[in-house]
Amino acid sequence: MTSAELLTGQVAVVTGGGGGIGAATARLFAEHGAHVIIADIDAGRAEWVAAEIGDSALAVPTDVRDAEQVSLLAHTVLRRYGRVDVLVNNVGDWVRHPGAFAGTDPPLWDELYRVNLHHVFLVTRAFLPAMVERHAGAIVNVSSVEGLRGYPEDPVYAAFKAAVIAFTRSLAVQVGRDGVRVNAIGPDVTESLQVPYAQWLSPDEQQRWPDWVPVGRMGRPEDQARVILFLASDLSGFVTGHTIPTDGGTGAAGGWFRSSRREGREWTNRPFQA
């Protein structure tokens, strides 16, 4: 099998495919021979990525938080292609910095739920029956490193990302004998629409990636897309129910960072320690 044959002729739906990790995934899937459906709430972004890819891509503007729009998305895909082989539930957002949990309220929790977990249920339910009917399919959910560790900045966001991981594991066991595999990734320190590190960090901070990340650099959307491709393709045909931490090693480091400022001490858990 050559790399060009990984997804040849397959039909893949990528939610949030209009930018960041989703767009990188859509492009990579197309390079590997897939017909790609780009579902994004931003019609302009979705259409721009589809036009960039060419005839093998279709933009379907969709708010995946809305059950009716998700049903229309599934109807559009199945009517046009008659099948779906790969589903990437990529949509997610930390919405805004909430401060201490005690100061948050149910409307914010509901917003976080709908954009990080509820849509995973909606979109998966919409496409799973077609996969089961054909006894073939791969679902890849995009969770977060914050679903794998404590996240004091926003415990509610972390809870929903952890729920994506639990849903991935449990659904994989349920539908394994139906020919459907379900896996996830847990990104960290990766440039995206929601986390634009290039804009957020000062020039001095930009130089500190080798201190912060074991692989020595910031992640790029393409780094995440390659792992999603692996999980979507037959290369991972005996892998299901797992979440791959796509974090450049930050999880393995356990919160410890190299220190260039502490004489006689190579590591610190305080990266700005003088």
Protein backbone atom coordinates (compact mmCIF):
# COMPACT_ATOMS: atom_id res chain seq x y z
CA MET A 1 0.00 0.00 0.00
CA THR A 2 1.36 3.38 -0.99
CA SER A 3 0.60 6.53 0.96
CA ALA A 4 -1.64 7.76 -1.85
CA GLU A 5 -3.92 4.78 -1.33
CA LEU A 6 -4.76 5.26 2.35
CA LEU A 7 -8.26 6.64 1.78
CA THR A 8 -8.79 6.20 -1.95
CA GLY A 9 -12.47 6.41 -2.86
CA GLN A 10 -13.62 6.79 0.73
CA VAL A 11 -16.13 9.38 1.89
CA ALA A 12 -15.04 11.43 4.90
CA VAL A 13 -16.94 14.04 6.89
CA VAL A 14 -14.89 16.57 8.85
CA THR A 15 -16.72 18.92 11.19
CA GLY A 16 -15.11 22.28 11.80
CA GLY A 17 -13.25 21.73 8.55
CA GLY A 18 -13.04 25.40 7.66
CA GLY A 19 -9.84 26.11 9.58
CA GLY A 20 -7.10 24.90 11.87
CA ILE A 21 -6.95 21.16 12.58
CA GLY A 22 -10.15 20.51 10.64
CA ALA A 23 -8.90 22.20 7.47
CA ALA A 24 -5.53 20.46 7.71
CA THR A 25 -7.34 17.14 8.08
CA ALA A 26 -9.62 17.81 5.11
CA ARG A 27 -6.65 18.68 2.92
CA LEU A 28 -4.68 15.62 3.98
CA PHE A 29 -7.64 13.29 3.48
CA ALA A 30 -8.09 14.65 -0.04
CA GLU A 31 -4.40 14.13 -0.76
CA HIS A 32 -4.93 10.50 0.21
CA GLY A 33 -7.79 10.01 -2.21
CA ALA A 34 -10.87 10.71 -0.11
CA HIS A 35 -14.01 12.61 -1.02
CA VAL A 36 -14.17 15.16 1.79
CA ILE A 37 -17.26 16.87 3.16
CA ILE A 38 -16.37 20.02 5.06
CA ALA A 39 -19.02 20.90 7.64
CA ASP A 40 -18.46 24.26 9.29
CA ILE A 41 -20.62 26.96 10.83
CA ASP A 42 -18.64 29.52 8.82
CA ALA A 43 -19.85 29.02 5.24
CA GLY A 44 -17.12 31.23 3.81
CA ARG A 45 -14.33 29.26 5.43
CA ALA A 46 -15.85 25.92 4.45
CA GLU A 47 -16.25 26.98 0.83
CA TRP A 48 -12.74 28.44 0.70
CA VAL A 49 -11.17 25.17 1.89
CA ALA A 50 -13.35 23.14 -0.47
CA ALA A 51 -12.37 25.35 -3.40
CA GLU A 52 -8.72 25.01 -2.46
CA ILE A 53 -9.01 21.22 -2.44
CA GLY A 54 -10.99 20.99 -5.67
CA ASP A 55 -13.58 18.57 -7.04
CA SER A 56 -13.05 15.98 -4.32
CA ALA A 57 -14.38 18.34 -1.62
CA LEU A 58 -17.87 19.52 -0.76
CA ALA A 59 -18.67 22.37 1.63
CA VAL A 60 -21.85 21.97 3.68
CA PRO A 61 -22.39 24.92 6.04
CA THR A 62 -23.59 23.38 9.30
CA ASP A 63 -23.98 24.36 12.91
CA VAL A 64 -23.32 20.95 14.46
CA ARG A 65 -24.99 22.05 17.69
CA ASP A 66 -28.34 22.09 15.88
CA ALA A 67 -30.06 18.71 15.45
CA GLU A 68 -31.97 19.73 12.32
CA GLN A 69 -28.86 21.00 10.57
CA VAL A 70 -26.98 17.82 11.49
CA SER A 71 -29.80 15.71 10.05
CA LEU A 72 -29.66 17.76 6.85
CA LEU A 73 -25.89 17.27 6.69
CA ALA A 74 -26.25 13.50 6.95
CA HIS A 75 -29.06 13.48 4.38
CA THR A 76 -26.93 15.54 1.97
CA VAL A 77 -23.91 13.28 2.31
CA LEU A 78 -25.76 9.97 2.06
CA ARG A 79 -27.92 11.14 -0.86
CA ARG A 80 -24.89 12.31 -2.83
CA TYR A 81 -22.38 9.57 -1.99
CA GLY A 82 -24.52 6.73 -0.68
CA ARG A 83 -22.10 6.00 2.14
CA VAL A 84 -19.80 7.44 4.75
CA ASP A 85 -16.51 5.78 5.66
CA VAL A 86 -14.90 8.27 8.03
CA LEU A 87 -16.29 10.79 10.48
CA VAL A 88 -14.06 13.30 12.25
CA ASN A 89 -15.81 15.11 15.11
CA ASN A 90 -13.40 18.01 15.27
CA VAL A 91 -15.54 20.92 16.50
CA GLY A 92 -14.70 22.28 19.94
CA ASP A 93 -13.97 25.54 21.71
CA TRP A 94 -13.07 26.75 25.18
CA VAL A 95 -15.43 29.71 24.45
CA ARG A 96 -13.79 32.20 26.84
CA HIS A 97 -11.71 32.33 29.99
CA PRO A 98 -14.27 31.89 32.77
CA GLY A 99 -12.24 32.63 35.89
CA ALA A 100 -12.94 30.64 39.05
CA PHE A 101 -15.61 27.94 38.78
CA ALA A 102 -17.65 29.47 41.62
CA GLY A 103 -18.16 32.56 39.48
CA THR A 104 -19.53 30.69 36.46
CA ASP A 105 -23.18 29.90 35.77
CA PRO A 106 -25.35 27.31 33.97
CA PRO A 107 -25.65 29.26 30.69
CA LEU A 108 -21.86 29.05 30.25
CA TRP A 109 -21.87 25.35 31.16
CA ASP A 110 -24.58 24.74 28.58
CA GLU A 111 -22.60 26.61 25.93
CA LEU A 112 -19.49 24.59 26.65
CA TYR A 113 -21.51 21.37 26.63
CA ARG A 114 -23.08 22.04 23.25
CA VAL A 115 -19.86 22.96 21.49
CA ASN A 116 -17.62 20.30 23.06
CA LEU A 117 -19.77 17.23 23.74
CA HIS A 118 -23.41 17.42 22.64
CA HIS A 119 -22.52 17.82 18.96
CA VAL A 120 -20.37 14.69 19.15
CA PHE A 121 -23.50 12.76 20.13
CA LEU A 122 -25.63 14.43 17.43
CA VAL A 123 -23.23 13.95 14.53
CA THR A 124 -22.20 10.43 15.52
CA ARG A 125 -25.83 9.33 15.81
CA ALA A 126 -26.56 10.82 12.39
CA PHE A 127 -23.83 8.87 10.57
CA LEU A 128 -23.30 5.72 12.65
CA PRO A 129 -26.28 3.74 11.26
CA ALA A 130 -24.91 4.02 7.71
CA MET A 131 -21.55 2.68 8.91
CA VAL A 132 -23.16 -0.19 10.79
CA GLU A 133 -25.27 -1.07 7.76
CA ARG A 134 -22.12 -1.42 5.64
CA HIS A 135 -20.18 -3.03 8.51
CA ALA A 136 -17.35 -0.54 7.98
CA GLY A 137 -16.34 2.84 9.28
CA ALA A 138 -13.95 4.87 11.39
CA ILE A 139 -14.86 7.67 13.77
CA VAL A 140 -12.20 10.00 15.17
CA ASN A 141 -13.13 12.42 17.94
CA VAL A 142 -10.98 15.41 18.80
CA SER A 143 -10.77 15.77 22.57
CA SER A 144 -7.97 17.66 24.34
CA VAL A 145 -5.05 17.14 26.65
CA GLU A 146 -7.24 18.93 29.17
CA GLY A 147 -9.51 15.89 29.19
CA LEU A 148 -6.56 13.79 30.30
CA ARG A 149 -5.20 15.95 33.13
CA GLY A 150 -6.35 18.50 35.65
CA TYR A 151 -7.17 21.84 34.07
CA PRO A 152 -7.54 24.52 36.76
CA GLU A 153 -8.24 27.23 34.18
CA ASP A 154 -11.65 25.73 33.34
CA PRO A 155 -12.86 22.54 35.09
CA VAL A 156 -16.13 22.52 33.11
CA TYR A 157 -14.37 22.49 29.73
CA ALA A 158 -12.07 19.75 31.02
CA ALA A 159 -15.06 17.69 32.16
CA PHE A 160 -16.64 17.73 28.70
CA LYS A 161 -13.36 16.89 26.98
CA ALA A 162 -12.93 13.97 29.39
CA ALA A 163 -16.47 12.89 28.52
CA VAL A 164 -15.52 12.77 24.84
CA ILE A 165 -12.78 10.30 25.78
CA ALA A 166 -15.18 8.17 27.83
CA PHE A 167 -17.74 8.21 25.00
CA THR A 168 -15.03 7.19 22.53
CA ARG A 169 -13.97 4.24 24.68
CA SER A 170 -17.47 3.01 25.41
CA LEU A 171 -18.90 3.41 21.91
CA ALA A 172 -15.89 1.59 20.47
CA VAL A 173 -16.68 -1.45 22.57
CA GLN A 174 -20.37 -1.29 21.67
CA VAL A 175 -19.94 -1.10 17.88
CA GLY A 176 -16.71 -3.02 17.39
CA ARG A 177 -18.44 -6.13 16.07
CA ASP A 178 -20.41 -3.89 13.70
CA GLY A 179 -17.18 -3.09 11.85
CA VAL A 180 -16.88 0.45 13.20
CA ARG A 181 -13.78 1.70 14.98
CA VAL A 182 -13.89 4.72 17.30
CA ASN A 183 -10.79 6.55 18.50
CA ALA A 184 -9.77 10.03 19.58
CA ILE A 185 -6.84 12.39 19.87
CA GLY A 186 -5.92 14.71 22.73
CA PRO A 187 -4.06 17.74 21.33
CA ASP A 188 -1.94 20.22 23.26
CA VAL A 189 0.21 23.27 22.40
CA THR A 190 -1.01 23.33 18.80
CA GLU A 191 -1.73 26.46 16.79
CA SER A 192 -5.43 26.63 15.88
CA LEU A 193 -8.24 29.11 15.33
CA GLN A 194 -9.19 28.89 19.01
CA VAL A 195 -5.61 28.90 20.29
CA PRO A 196 -3.51 31.25 18.11
CA TYR A 197 -0.19 30.98 19.93
CA ALA A 198 1.54 32.99 17.21
CA GLN A 199 -0.60 35.98 18.23
CA TRP A 200 -0.67 35.36 21.96
CA LEU A 201 3.01 34.93 22.75
CA SER A 202 5.64 37.64 22.94
CA PRO A 203 8.88 37.28 20.94
CA ASP A 204 10.64 36.17 24.13
CA GLU A 205 7.99 33.57 24.83
CA GLN A 206 8.17 32.30 21.24
CA GLN A 207 11.79 31.38 21.93
CA ARG A 208 10.82 29.24 24.93
CA TRP A 209 9.11 26.37 23.10
CA PRO A 210 12.17 24.12 23.62
CA ASP A 211 11.76 24.72 27.36
CA TRP A 212 8.01 24.03 27.37
CA VAL A 213 7.55 21.09 24.99
CA PRO A 214 9.74 17.96 24.95
CA VAL A 215 9.80 17.82 21.14
CA GLY A 216 11.09 21.39 21.18
CA ARG A 217 8.47 23.25 19.17
CA MET A 218 4.86 24.33 18.96
CA GLY A 219 2.43 21.93 17.30
CA ARG A 220 0.93 22.63 13.90
CA PRO A 221 -2.49 21.59 12.61
CA GLU A 222 -0.78 19.21 10.21
CA ASP A 223 0.72 17.31 13.17
CA GLN A 224 -2.78 16.54 14.41
CA ALA A 225 -4.09 15.77 10.93
CA ARG A 226 -1.48 13.05 10.37
CA VAL A 227 -2.56 11.19 13.50
CA ILE A 228 -6.21 11.56 12.53
CA LEU A 229 -5.33 10.09 9.12
CA PHE A 230 -3.68 7.12 10.85
CA LEU A 231 -6.78 6.51 12.97
CA ALA A 232 -9.08 6.90 9.96
CA SER A 233 -7.15 4.51 7.72
CA ASP A 234 -6.56 0.77 7.68
CA LEU A 235 -3.12 1.39 9.19
CA SER A 236 -4.94 1.42 12.54
CA GLY A 237 -7.28 -1.44 11.69
CA PHE A 238 -6.65 -3.17 15.05
CA VAL A 239 -6.93 0.02 17.13
CA THR A 240 -10.20 1.09 18.70
CA GLY A 241 -11.36 2.74 21.92
CA HIS A 242 -8.17 4.68 22.44
CA THR A 243 -7.22 8.34 22.76
CA ILE A 244 -3.78 9.26 21.46
CA PRO A 245 -2.23 12.24 23.28
CA THR A 246 -1.00 14.41 20.41
CA ASP A 247 0.79 16.80 22.73
CA GLY A 248 4.45 16.92 21.79
CA GLY A 249 5.27 15.09 25.00
CA THR A 250 3.76 17.55 27.47
CA GLY A 251 1.68 14.84 29.09
CA ALA A 252 4.66 12.53 29.45
CA ALA A 253 6.65 15.37 30.99
CA GLY A 254 4.00 15.67 33.70
CA GLY A 255 4.15 19.45 33.81
CA TRP A 256 7.94 19.65 34.11
CA PHE A 257 9.94 21.86 31.78
CA ARG A 258 13.57 22.33 30.89
CA SER A 259 15.09 25.33 32.61
CA SER A 260 17.79 27.46 31.03
CA ARG A 261 17.77 29.91 33.97
CA ARG A 262 18.37 27.73 37.04
CA GLU A 263 22.02 27.03 37.60
CA GLY A 264 22.63 23.40 38.41
CA ARG A 265 18.98 22.43 37.81
CA GLU A 266 17.90 21.21 34.38
CA TRP A 267 14.18 20.96 35.16
CA THR A 268 11.51 23.14 36.70
CA ASN A 269 7.76 23.00 37.08
CA ARG A 270 7.80 26.80 36.92
CA PRO A 271 8.89 27.65 33.37
CA PHE A 272 9.45 31.34 34.10
CA GLN A 273 11.62 30.62 37.15
CA ALA A 274 14.56 33.06 37.16
